[in-house]
Amino acid sequence: MKKSKLKVNEKRLSVRVGKELKKLRATSELTQKSLALLIDTHSTAITRAEGGKYLPSLRWLQKIAWNTRHKLVIKFEKNK
Protein backbone atom coordinates (compact mmCIF):
# COMPACT_ATOMS: atom_id res chain seq x y z
CA MET A 1 0.00 0.00 0.00
CA LYS A 2 1.30 3.43 -0.89
CA LYS A 3 2.27 5.74 1.94
CA SER A 4 -0.30 8.42 1.01
CA LYS A 5 -3.11 5.83 0.87
CA LEU A 6 -2.06 4.55 4.28
CA LYS A 7 -2.30 8.10 5.67
CA VAL A 8 -5.82 8.47 4.22
CA ASN A 9 -6.90 5.17 5.79
CA GLU A 10 -5.36 6.16 9.12
CA LYS A 11 -7.27 9.46 9.04
CA ARG A 12 -10.55 7.64 8.32
CA LEU A 13 -9.89 5.29 11.20
CA SER A 14 -9.06 8.21 13.51
CA VAL A 15 -12.37 9.84 12.64
CA ARG A 16 -14.32 6.60 13.20
CA VAL A 17 -12.63 5.98 16.54
CA GLY A 18 -13.32 9.59 17.52
CA LYS A 19 -17.02 9.23 16.75
CA GLU A 20 -17.22 6.03 18.80
CA LEU A 21 -15.40 7.67 21.69
CA LYS A 22 -17.79 10.61 21.63
CA LYS A 23 -20.81 8.24 21.64
CA LEU A 24 -19.36 6.27 24.55
CA ARG A 25 -18.74 9.44 26.53
CA ALA A 26 -22.27 10.71 25.85
CA THR A 27 -23.95 7.45 26.85
CA SER A 28 -21.78 7.38 29.98
CA GLU A 29 -22.92 10.94 30.74
CA LEU A 30 -19.35 12.18 31.06
CA THR A 31 -17.85 15.49 30.07
CA GLN A 32 -14.51 15.55 28.32
CA LYS A 33 -12.99 16.85 31.53
CA SER A 34 -14.51 14.11 33.71
CA LEU A 35 -13.40 11.38 31.29
CA ALA A 36 -9.91 12.86 31.24
CA LEU A 37 -9.80 12.76 35.04
CA LEU A 38 -10.91 9.10 35.01
CA ILE A 39 -8.05 8.06 32.76
CA ASP A 40 -5.46 10.52 34.08
CA THR A 41 -5.00 12.65 30.98
CA HIS A 42 -5.82 16.17 29.81
CA SER A 43 -9.21 17.08 28.40
CA THR A 44 -7.44 18.35 25.27
CA ALA A 45 -6.39 14.76 24.54
CA ILE A 46 -10.06 13.71 24.64
CA THR A 47 -10.99 16.64 22.39
CA ARG A 48 -8.31 15.75 19.85
CA ALA A 49 -9.24 12.06 19.84
CA GLU A 50 -12.96 12.78 19.44
CA GLY A 51 -12.19 15.18 16.60
CA GLY A 52 -10.17 12.55 14.74
CA LYS A 53 -6.98 14.59 15.10
CA TYR A 54 -4.98 11.53 16.14
CA LEU A 55 -5.39 7.79 16.49
CA PRO A 56 -5.32 6.75 20.16
CA SER A 57 -3.35 3.69 21.22
CA LEU A 58 -5.11 0.45 22.09
CA ARG A 59 -3.83 0.82 25.64
CA TRP A 60 -5.46 4.27 25.94
CA LEU A 61 -8.75 2.99 24.48
CA GLN A 62 -8.68 0.00 26.84
CA LYS A 63 -8.17 2.35 29.78
CA ILE A 64 -11.25 4.32 28.69
CA ALA A 65 -13.28 1.15 28.26
CA TRP A 66 -12.31 -0.22 31.65
CA ASN A 67 -12.98 3.06 33.48
CA THR A 68 -16.41 3.47 31.86
CA ARG A 69 -17.34 -0.19 32.44
CA HIS A 70 -17.34 -1.08 28.76
CA LYS A 71 -15.34 -3.60 26.80
CA LEU A 72 -13.18 -2.71 23.84
CA VAL A 73 -14.06 -4.78 20.77
CA ILE A 74 -11.82 -4.96 17.72
CA LYS A 75 -12.74 -6.91 14.63
CA PHE A 76 -11.54 -7.42 11.11
CA GLU A 77 -13.97 -7.22 8.21
CA LYS A 78 -13.42 -8.17 4.60
CA ASN A 79 -13.15 -5.20 2.20
CA LYS A 80 -16.13 -4.78 -0.09
PDB file of N, CA and C in Angstrom:
ATOM      1  N   MET A   1       0.844  -1.173   0.000  1.00  0.00           N
ATOM      2  CA  MET A   1       0.000   0.000   0.000  1.00  0.00           C
ATOM      3  C   MET A   1       0.889   1.236   0.000  1.00  0.00           C
ATOM      4  N   LYS A   2       0.525   2.201  -0.811  1.00  0.00           N
ATOM      5  CA  LYS A   2       1.301   3.429  -0.890  1.00  0.00           C
ATOM      6  C   LYS A   2       1.175   4.217   0.398  1.00  0.00           C
ATOM      7  N   LYS A   3       2.225   4.972   0.703  1.00  0.00           N
ATOM      8  CA  LYS A   3       2.272   5.744   1.941  1.00  0.00           C
ATOM      9  C   LYS A   3       1.113   6.735   2.049  1.00  0.00           C
ATOM     10  N   SER A   4       0.780   7.431   0.960  1.00  0.00           N
ATOM     11  CA  SER A   4      -0.302   8.416   1.006  1.00  0.00           C
ATOM     12  C   SER A   4      -1.649   7.744   1.242  1.00  0.00           C
ATOM     13  N   LYS A   5      -1.859   6.564   0.660  1.00  0.00           N
ATOM     14  CA  LYS A   5      -3.110   5.834   0.872  1.00  0.00           C
ATOM     15  C   LYS A   5      -3.207   5.355   2.321  1.00  0.00           C
ATOM     16  N   LEU A   6      -2.094   4.964   2.890  1.00  0.00           N
ATOM     17  CA  LEU A   6      -2.062   4.554   4.283  1.00  0.00           C
ATOM     18  C   LEU A   6      -2.453   5.713   5.184  1.00  0.00           C
ATOM     19  N   LYS A   7      -1.950   6.910   4.892  1.00  0.00           N
ATOM     20  CA  LYS A   7      -2.301   8.096   5.674  1.00  0.00           C
ATOM     21  C   LYS A   7      -3.792   8.394   5.590  1.00  0.00           C
ATOM     22  N   VAL A   8      -4.384   8.237   4.399  1.00  0.00           N
ATOM     23  CA  VAL A   8      -5.815   8.465   4.219  1.00  0.00           C
ATOM     24  C   VAL A   8      -6.602   7.465   5.048  1.00  0.00           C
ATOM     25  N   ASN A   9      -6.214   6.198   5.009  1.00  0.00           N
ATOM     26  CA  ASN A   9      -6.898   5.166   5.789  1.00  0.00           C
ATOM     27  C   ASN A   9      -6.747   5.411   7.286  1.00  0.00           C
ATOM     28  N   GLU A  10      -5.578   5.869   7.709  1.00  0.00           N
ATOM     29  CA  GLU A  10      -5.359   6.164   9.124  1.00  0.00           C
ATOM     30  C   GLU A  10      -6.252   7.320   9.565  1.00  0.00           C
ATOM     31  N   LYS A  11      -6.411   8.320   8.730  1.00  0.00           N
ATOM     32  CA  LYS A  11      -7.271   9.459   9.042  1.00  0.00           C
ATOM     33  C   LYS A  11      -8.721   9.007   9.168  1.00  0.00           C
ATOM     34  N   ARG A  12      -9.170   8.165   8.247  1.00  0.00           N
ATOM     35  CA  ARG A  12     -10.548   7.641   8.320  1.00  0.00           C
ATOM     36  C   ARG A  12     -10.760   6.871   9.610  1.00  0.00           C
ATOM     37  N   LEU A  13      -9.792   6.054   9.962  1.00  0.00           N
ATOM     38  CA  LEU A  13      -9.885   5.285  11.195  1.00  0.00           C
ATOM     39  C   LEU A  13      -9.911   6.204  12.405  1.00  0.00           C
ATOM     40  N   SER A  14      -9.082   7.242  12.408  1.00  0.00           N
ATOM     41  CA  SER A  14      -9.063   8.207  13.510  1.00  0.00           C
ATOM     42  C   SER A  14     -10.428   8.863  13.685  1.00  0.00           C
ATOM     43  N   VAL A  15     -11.055   9.210  12.585  1.00  0.00           N
ATOM     44  CA  VAL A  15     -12.374   9.838  12.635  1.00  0.00           C
ATOM     45  C   VAL A  15     -13.415   8.857  13.176  1.00  0.00           C
ATOM     46  N   ARG A  16     -13.364   7.606  12.718  1.00  0.00           N
ATOM     47  CA  ARG A  16     -14.322   6.599  13.201  1.00  0.00           C
ATOM     48  C   ARG A  16     -14.143   6.332  14.687  1.00  0.00           C
ATOM     49  N   VAL A  17     -12.902   6.207  15.118  1.00  0.00           N
ATOM     50  CA  VAL A  17     -12.628   5.982  16.543  1.00  0.00           C
ATOM     51  C   VAL A  17     -13.112   7.188  17.349  1.00  0.00           C
ATOM     52  N   GLY A  18     -12.875   8.388  16.839  1.00  0.00           N
ATOM     53  CA  GLY A  18     -13.320   9.593  17.519  1.00  0.00           C
ATOM     54  C   GLY A  18     -14.829   9.640  17.704  1.00  0.00           C
ATOM     55  N   LYS A  19     -15.559   9.255  16.671  1.00  0.00           N
ATOM     56  CA  LYS A  19     -17.023   9.231  16.755  1.00  0.00           C
ATOM     57  C   LYS A  19     -17.488   8.221  17.805  1.00  0.00           C
ATOM     58  N   GLU A  20     -16.857   7.051  17.815  1.00  0.00           N
ATOM     59  CA  GLU A  20     -17.222   6.027  18.802  1.00  0.00           C
ATOM     60  C   GLU A  20     -16.904   6.492  20.226  1.00  0.00           C
ATOM     61  N   LEU A  21     -15.779   7.148  20.377  1.00  0.00           N
ATOM     62  CA  LEU A  21     -15.397   7.665  21.688  1.00  0.00           C
ATOM     63  C   LEU A  21     -16.403   8.708  22.173  1.00  0.00           C
ATOM     64  N   LYS A  22     -16.819   9.572  21.274  1.00  0.00           N
ATOM     65  CA  LYS A  22     -17.791  10.612  21.628  1.00  0.00           C
ATOM     66  C   LYS A  22     -19.130   9.991  22.024  1.00  0.00           C
ATOM     67  N   LYS A  23     -19.565   8.947  21.292  1.00  0.00           N
ATOM     68  CA  LYS A  23     -20.810   8.242  21.638  1.00  0.00           C
ATOM     69  C   LYS A  23     -20.697   7.589  23.009  1.00  0.00           C
ATOM     70  N   LEU A  24     -19.566   6.927  23.256  1.00  0.00           N
ATOM     71  CA  LEU A  24     -19.357   6.265  24.550  1.00  0.00           C
ATOM     72  C   LEU A  24     -19.415   7.286  25.691  1.00  0.00           C
ATOM     73  N   ARG A  25     -18.760   8.415  25.493  1.00  0.00           N
ATOM     74  CA  ARG A  25     -18.737   9.443  26.534  1.00  0.00           C
ATOM     75  C   ARG A  25     -20.134   9.988  26.778  1.00  0.00           C
ATOM     76  N   ALA A  26     -20.901  10.193  25.717  1.00  0.00           N
ATOM     77  CA  ALA A  26     -22.268  10.715  25.846  1.00  0.00           C
ATOM     78  C   ALA A  26     -23.176   9.726  26.572  1.00  0.00           C
ATOM     79  N   THR A  27     -23.097   8.450  26.197  1.00  0.00           N
ATOM     80  CA  THR A  27     -23.946   7.451  26.853  1.00  0.00           C
ATOM     81  C   THR A  27     -23.524   7.217  28.300  1.00  0.00           C
ATOM     82  N   SER A  28     -22.273   7.503  28.599  1.00  0.00           N
ATOM     83  CA  SER A  28     -21.780   7.380  29.977  1.00  0.00           C
ATOM     84  C   SER A  28     -22.029   8.653  30.781  1.00  0.00           C
ATOM     85  N   GLU A  29     -22.611   9.656  30.116  1.00  0.00           N
ATOM     86  CA  GLU A  29     -22.920  10.942  30.738  1.00  0.00           C
ATOM     87  C   GLU A  29     -21.691  11.587  31.375  1.00  0.00           C
ATOM     88  N   LEU A  30     -20.606  11.592  30.603  1.00  0.00           N
ATOM     89  CA  LEU A  30     -19.346  12.181  31.061  1.00  0.00           C
ATOM     90  C   LEU A  30     -18.995  13.389  30.201  1.00  0.00           C
ATOM     91  N   THR A  31     -18.423  14.385  30.822  1.00  0.00           N
ATOM     92  CA  THR A  31     -17.852  15.491  30.065  1.00  0.00           C
ATOM     93  C   THR A  31     -16.455  15.069  29.620  1.00  0.00           C
ATOM     94  N   GLN A  32     -15.883  15.839  28.725  1.00  0.00           N
ATOM     95  CA  GLN A  32     -14.512  15.554  28.322  1.00  0.00           C
ATOM     96  C   GLN A  32     -13.580  15.663  29.520  1.00  0.00           C
ATOM     97  N   LYS A  33     -13.835  16.648  30.355  1.00  0.00           N
ATOM     98  CA  LYS A  33     -12.988  16.848  31.534  1.00  0.00           C
ATOM     99  C   LYS A  33     -13.108  15.675  32.517  1.00  0.00           C
ATOM    100  N   SER A  34     -14.337  15.217  32.758  1.00  0.00           N
ATOM    101  CA  SER A  34     -14.508  14.112  33.710  1.00  0.00           C
ATOM    102  C   SER A  34     -13.915  12.814  33.179  1.00  0.00           C
ATOM    103  N   LEU A  35     -14.026  12.573  31.870  1.00  0.00           N
ATOM    104  CA  LEU A  35     -13.398  11.381  31.294  1.00  0.00           C
ATOM    105  C   LEU A  35     -11.882  11.484  31.401  1.00  0.00           C
ATOM    106  N   ALA A  36     -11.363  12.657  31.130  1.00  0.00           N
ATOM    107  CA  ALA A  36      -9.914  12.865  31.239  1.00  0.00           C
ATOM    108  C   ALA A  36      -9.426  12.574  32.654  1.00  0.00           C
ATOM    109  N   LEU A  37     -10.181  13.023  33.646  1.00  0.00           N
ATOM    110  CA  LEU A  37      -9.804  12.755  35.044  1.00  0.00           C
ATOM    111  C   LEU A  37      -9.826  11.261  35.345  1.00  0.00           C
ATOM    112  N   LEU A  38     -10.813  10.553  34.790  1.00  0.00           N
ATOM    113  CA  LEU A  38     -10.915   9.102  35.011  1.00  0.00           C
ATOM    114  C   LEU A  38      -9.699   8.350  34.491  1.00  0.00           C
ATOM    115  N   ILE A  39      -9.157   8.805  33.368  1.00  0.00           N
ATOM    116  CA  ILE A  39      -8.048   8.061  32.761  1.00  0.00           C
ATOM    117  C   ILE A  39      -6.705   8.770  32.913  1.00  0.00           C
ATOM    118  N   ASP A  40      -6.692   9.800  33.745  1.00  0.00           N
ATOM    119  CA  ASP A  40      -5.461  10.517  34.076  1.00  0.00           C
ATOM    120  C   ASP A  40      -4.765  11.111  32.845  1.00  0.00           C
ATOM    121  N   THR A  41      -5.544  11.938  32.136  1.00  0.00           N
ATOM    122  CA  THR A  41      -5.000  12.652  30.983  1.00  0.00           C
ATOM    123  C   THR A  41      -5.611  14.046  30.953  1.00  0.00           C
ATOM    124  N   HIS A  42      -5.272  14.824  29.950  1.00  0.00           N
ATOM    125  CA  HIS A  42      -5.815  16.171  29.805  1.00  0.00           C
ATOM    126  C   HIS A  42      -7.065  16.127  28.934  1.00  0.00           C
ATOM    127  N   SER A  43      -7.994  17.041  29.194  1.00  0.00           N
ATOM    128  CA  SER A  43      -9.214  17.080  28.397  1.00  0.00           C
ATOM    129  C   SER A  43      -8.920  17.395  26.931  1.00  0.00           C
ATOM    130  N   THR A  44      -7.803  18.069  26.672  1.00  0.00           N
ATOM    131  CA  THR A  44      -7.444  18.352  25.273  1.00  0.00           C
ATOM    132  C   THR A  44      -7.145  17.065  24.508  1.00  0.00           C
ATOM    133  N   ALA A  45      -6.647  16.050  25.193  1.00  0.00           N
ATOM    134  CA  ALA A  45      -6.392  14.756  24.541  1.00  0.00           C
ATOM    135  C   ALA A  45      -7.715  14.112  24.124  1.00  0.00           C
ATOM    136  N   ILE A  46      -8.730  14.242  24.960  1.00  0.00           N
ATOM    137  CA  ILE A  46     -10.058  13.714  24.637  1.00  0.00           C
ATOM    138  C   ILE A  46     -10.628  14.477  23.444  1.00  0.00           C
ATOM    139  N   THR A  47     -10.500  15.790  23.487  1.00  0.00           N
ATOM    140  CA  THR A  47     -10.993  16.638  22.394  1.00  0.00           C
ATOM    141  C   THR A  47     -10.346  16.257  21.069  1.00  0.00           C
ATOM    142  N   ARG A  48      -9.032  16.099  21.071  1.00  0.00           N
ATOM    143  CA  ARG A  48      -8.307  15.748  19.847  1.00  0.00           C
ATOM    144  C   ARG A  48      -8.704  14.366  19.336  1.00  0.00           C
ATOM    145  N   ALA A  49      -8.859  13.422  20.246  1.00  0.00           N
ATOM    146  CA  ALA A  49      -9.240  12.063  19.837  1.00  0.00           C
ATOM    147  C   ALA A  49     -10.658  12.054  19.259  1.00  0.00           C
ATOM    148  N   GLU A  50     -11.582  12.739  19.921  1.00  0.00           N
ATOM    149  CA  GLU A  50     -12.958  12.782  19.435  1.00  0.00           C
ATOM    150  C   GLU A  50     -13.056  13.496  18.088  1.00  0.00           C
ATOM    151  N   GLY A  51     -12.190  14.437  17.856  1.00  0.00           N
ATOM    152  CA  GLY A  51     -12.193  15.177  16.599  1.00  0.00           C
ATOM    153  C   GLY A  51     -11.445  14.484  15.482  1.00  0.00           C
ATOM    154  N   GLY A  52     -10.902  13.297  15.752  1.00  0.00           N
ATOM    155  CA  GLY A  52     -10.173  12.549  14.737  1.00  0.00           C
ATOM    156  C   GLY A  52      -8.815  13.140  14.408  1.00  0.00           C
ATOM    157  N   LYS A  53      -8.271  13.933  15.340  1.00  0.00           N
ATOM    158  CA  LYS A  53      -6.979  14.588  15.102  1.00  0.00           C
ATOM    159  C   LYS A  53      -5.803  13.629  15.262  1.00  0.00           C
ATOM    160  N   TYR A  54      -6.023  12.558  16.020  1.00  0.00           N
ATOM    161  CA  TYR A  54      -4.985  11.531  16.136  1.00  0.00           C
ATOM    162  C   TYR A  54      -5.624  10.196  16.478  1.00  0.00           C
ATOM    163  N   LEU A  55      -4.901   9.141  16.235  1.00  0.00           N
ATOM    164  CA  LEU A  55      -5.388   7.791  16.491  1.00  0.00           C
ATOM    165  C   LEU A  55      -4.864   7.320  17.849  1.00  0.00           C
ATOM    166  N   PRO A  56      -5.760   7.174  18.824  1.00  0.00           N
ATOM    167  CA  PRO A  56      -5.319   6.748  20.158  1.00  0.00           C
ATOM    168  C   PRO A  56      -4.769   5.320  20.145  1.00  0.00           C
ATOM    169  N   SER A  57      -3.905   5.042  21.096  1.00  0.00           N
ATOM    170  CA  SER A  57      -3.355   3.690  21.219  1.00  0.00           C
ATOM    171  C   SER A  57      -4.411   2.739  21.771  1.00  0.00           C
ATOM    172  N   LEU A  58      -4.203   1.454  21.536  1.00  0.00           N
ATOM    173  CA  LEU A  58      -5.113   0.453  22.089  1.00  0.00           C
ATOM    174  C   LEU A  58      -5.101   0.494  23.613  1.00  0.00           C
ATOM    175  N   ARG A  59      -3.943   0.739  24.180  1.00  0.00           N
ATOM    176  CA  ARG A  59      -3.832   0.822  25.643  1.00  0.00           C
ATOM    177  C   ARG A  59      -4.704   1.955  26.191  1.00  0.00           C
ATOM    178  N   TRP A  60      -4.669   3.105  25.525  1.00  0.00           N
ATOM    179  CA  TRP A  60      -5.457   4.274  25.935  1.00  0.00           C
ATOM    180  C   TRP A  60      -6.945   3.982  25.803  1.00  0.00           C
ATOM    181  N   LEU A  61      -7.341   3.350  24.686  1.00  0.00           N
ATOM    182  CA  LEU A  61      -8.746   2.989  24.480  1.00  0.00           C
ATOM    183  C   LEU A  61      -9.210   1.952  25.502  1.00  0.00           C
ATOM    184  N   GLN A  62      -8.341   1.005  25.838  1.00  0.00           N
ATOM    185  CA  GLN A  62      -8.684   0.002  26.844  1.00  0.00           C
ATOM    186  C   GLN A  62      -8.870   0.654  28.207  1.00  0.00           C
ATOM    187  N   LYS A  63      -8.060   1.618  28.517  1.00  0.00           N
ATOM    188  CA  LYS A  63      -8.171   2.354  29.778  1.00  0.00           C
ATOM    189  C   LYS A  63      -9.522   3.070  29.856  1.00  0.00           C
ATOM    190  N   ILE A  64      -9.933   3.661  28.747  1.00  0.00           N
ATOM    191  CA  ILE A  64     -11.246   4.322  28.692  1.00  0.00           C
ATOM    192  C   ILE A  64     -12.347   3.293  28.879  1.00  0.00           C
ATOM    193  N   ALA A  65     -12.258   2.192  28.157  1.00  0.00           N
ATOM    194  CA  ALA A  65     -13.282   1.148  28.257  1.00  0.00           C
ATOM    195  C   ALA A  65     -13.407   0.643  29.693  1.00  0.00           C
ATOM    196  N   TRP A  66     -12.305   0.321  30.299  1.00  0.00           N
ATOM    197  CA  TRP A  66     -12.314  -0.216  31.653  1.00  0.00           C
ATOM    198  C   TRP A  66     -12.910   0.787  32.645  1.00  0.00           C
ATOM    199  N   ASN A  67     -12.513   2.040  32.533  1.00  0.00           N
ATOM    200  CA  ASN A  67     -12.979   3.062  33.478  1.00  0.00           C
ATOM    201  C   ASN A  67     -14.423   3.497  33.254  1.00  0.00           C
ATOM    202  N   THR A  68     -14.999   3.159  32.106  1.00  0.00           N
ATOM    203  CA  THR A  68     -16.410   3.470  31.859  1.00  0.00           C
ATOM    204  C   THR A  68     -17.266   2.207  31.880  1.00  0.00           C
ATOM    205  N   ARG A  69     -16.659   1.114  32.327  1.00  0.00           N
ATOM    206  CA  ARG A  69     -17.338  -0.190  32.437  1.00  0.00           C
ATOM    207  C   ARG A  69     -17.885  -0.675  31.098  1.00  0.00           C
ATOM    208  N   HIS A  70     -17.043  -0.556  30.088  1.00  0.00           N
ATOM    209  CA  HIS A  70     -17.338  -1.076  28.756  1.00  0.00           C
ATOM    210  C   HIS A  70     -16.228  -2.049  28.386  1.00  0.00           C
ATOM    211  N   LYS A  71     -16.432  -2.782  27.320  1.00  0.00           N
ATOM    212  CA  LYS A  71     -15.341  -3.602  26.799  1.00  0.00           C
ATOM    213  C   LYS A  71     -14.966  -3.075  25.427  1.00  0.00           C
ATOM    214  N   LEU A  72     -13.697  -3.138  25.126  1.00  0.00           N
ATOM    215  CA  LEU A  72     -13.179  -2.709  23.836  1.00  0.00           C
ATOM    216  C   LEU A  72     -13.248  -3.910  22.893  1.00  0.00           C
ATOM    217  N   VAL A  73     -13.903  -3.711  21.746  1.00  0.00           N
ATOM    218  CA  VAL A  73     -14.063  -4.783  20.765  1.00  0.00           C
ATOM    219  C   VAL A  73     -13.380  -4.349  19.481  1.00  0.00           C
ATOM    220  N   ILE A  74     -12.517  -5.208  18.984  1.00  0.00           N
ATOM    221  CA  ILE A  74     -11.824  -4.958  17.717  1.00  0.00           C
ATOM    222  C   ILE A  74     -12.108  -6.121  16.797  1.00  0.00           C
ATOM    223  N   LYS A  75     -12.465  -5.822  15.560  1.00  0.00           N
ATOM    224  CA  LYS A  75     -12.744  -6.910  14.632  1.00  0.00           C
ATOM    225  C   LYS A  75     -12.227  -6.559  13.246  1.00  0.00           C
ATOM    226  N   PHE A  76     -11.958  -7.573  12.487  1.00  0.00           N
ATOM    227  CA  PHE A  76     -11.537  -7.418  11.107  1.00  0.00           C
ATOM    228  C   PHE A  76     -12.710  -7.771  10.211  1.00  0.00           C
ATOM    229  N   GLU A  77     -12.918  -6.962   9.179  1.00  0.00           N
ATOM    230  CA  GLU A  77     -13.974  -7.223   8.209  1.00  0.00           C
ATOM    231  C   GLU A  77     -13.364  -7.232   6.818  1.00  0.00           C
ATOM    232  N   LYS A  78     -13.890  -8.072   5.989  1.00  0.00           N
ATOM    233  CA  LYS A  78     -13.422  -8.169   4.602  1.00  0.00           C
ATOM    234  C   LYS A  78     -13.801  -6.894   3.853  1.00  0.00           C
ATOM    235  N   ASN A  79     -12.868  -6.371   3.044  1.00  0.00           N
ATOM    236  CA  ASN A  79     -13.151  -5.205   2.202  1.00  0.00           C
ATOM    237  C   ASN A  79     -14.235  -5.549   1.193  1.00  0.00           C
ATOM    238  N   LYS A  80     -15.056  -4.574   0.896  1.00  0.00           N
ATOM    239  CA  LYS A  80     -16.127  -4.783  -0.091  1.00  0.00           C
ATOM    240  C   LYS A  80     -15.645  -4.499  -1.479  1.00  0.00           C
TER     241      LYS A  80
END
